[in-house]
Amino acid sequence: MVKGTTYNFIIGKKNIGHSKFYHEILAKGSDLNSCKNKTLRFFQNYQLVRYSRILIKEFLQPSHPFFWEKIEKAVLKNHHILNELIEELEIEGIKTMKDLQTISQGYKTSMLHTITHLVDGFFGVDTYFYNLEEDSHWISDELKEKIKQNPDHYWLFSIEAQN
C-alpha cells in the first residue's frame, strides 16, 4: 500500500470503501431554509450515525402531488425492513419472547438491536423514512392532520449520504 493513497475495496458490485445511504426526512419549520438547516443539524449532531457527505437530492412540500405518496412509500419501506429483520430472527430460531433468554451475542442480537431501533425511534443507517417532528420511523394521524392544516411549514427531504 502506498502511503497517502486511498483505496476503495469492492466486493462484487458493492464498494465497501464508501457506502451510500438513502433517507427520506420530514421536517417542520418556518420555511425551506429552516427545515433544511434543522435536517442538516440533525445529521451533524446525531451521535449514533456519522456521514462524511450529505446531499439533499430533492425536497417537497405537502402541496406537491407526490408528497403524500412518497411518505407512504417511505414508511412502507421501513415496515418492510422491520418485517425482513423479524423474519430473519425467526429463521434463526427466535420465535417467542422467551427465546430471547437464550439468544447468543452476535448476528442475532445485532438484528434484534436494529429491530429495537426501528420500533423505538432511534435513527440508524437502516432507516429509510425518519420523522424529525415525532422522532419516529412512522407518521401519526395527528401529525398528518397538522401537516394538512399548515402545509407551508413542512418539507420532505430526499437525502443521499456517504460514510
Foldseek 3Di string as FASTA:
>chain_A
DDPPDDDFDDDPNDTPSKDKFKAKEKAFDPADVVRVVVVVVCQVPDDADHFPDKDFPDKDFPVDPCVVVVQVVLLVLLVVLLVVLVVVLVVVPPDDPVVVVVDDPDPNVVSVVVNVCQVVLPDDSSQHYAYPVVSHSHDDPVVVVVCVVPRRGMMITIMMTMD
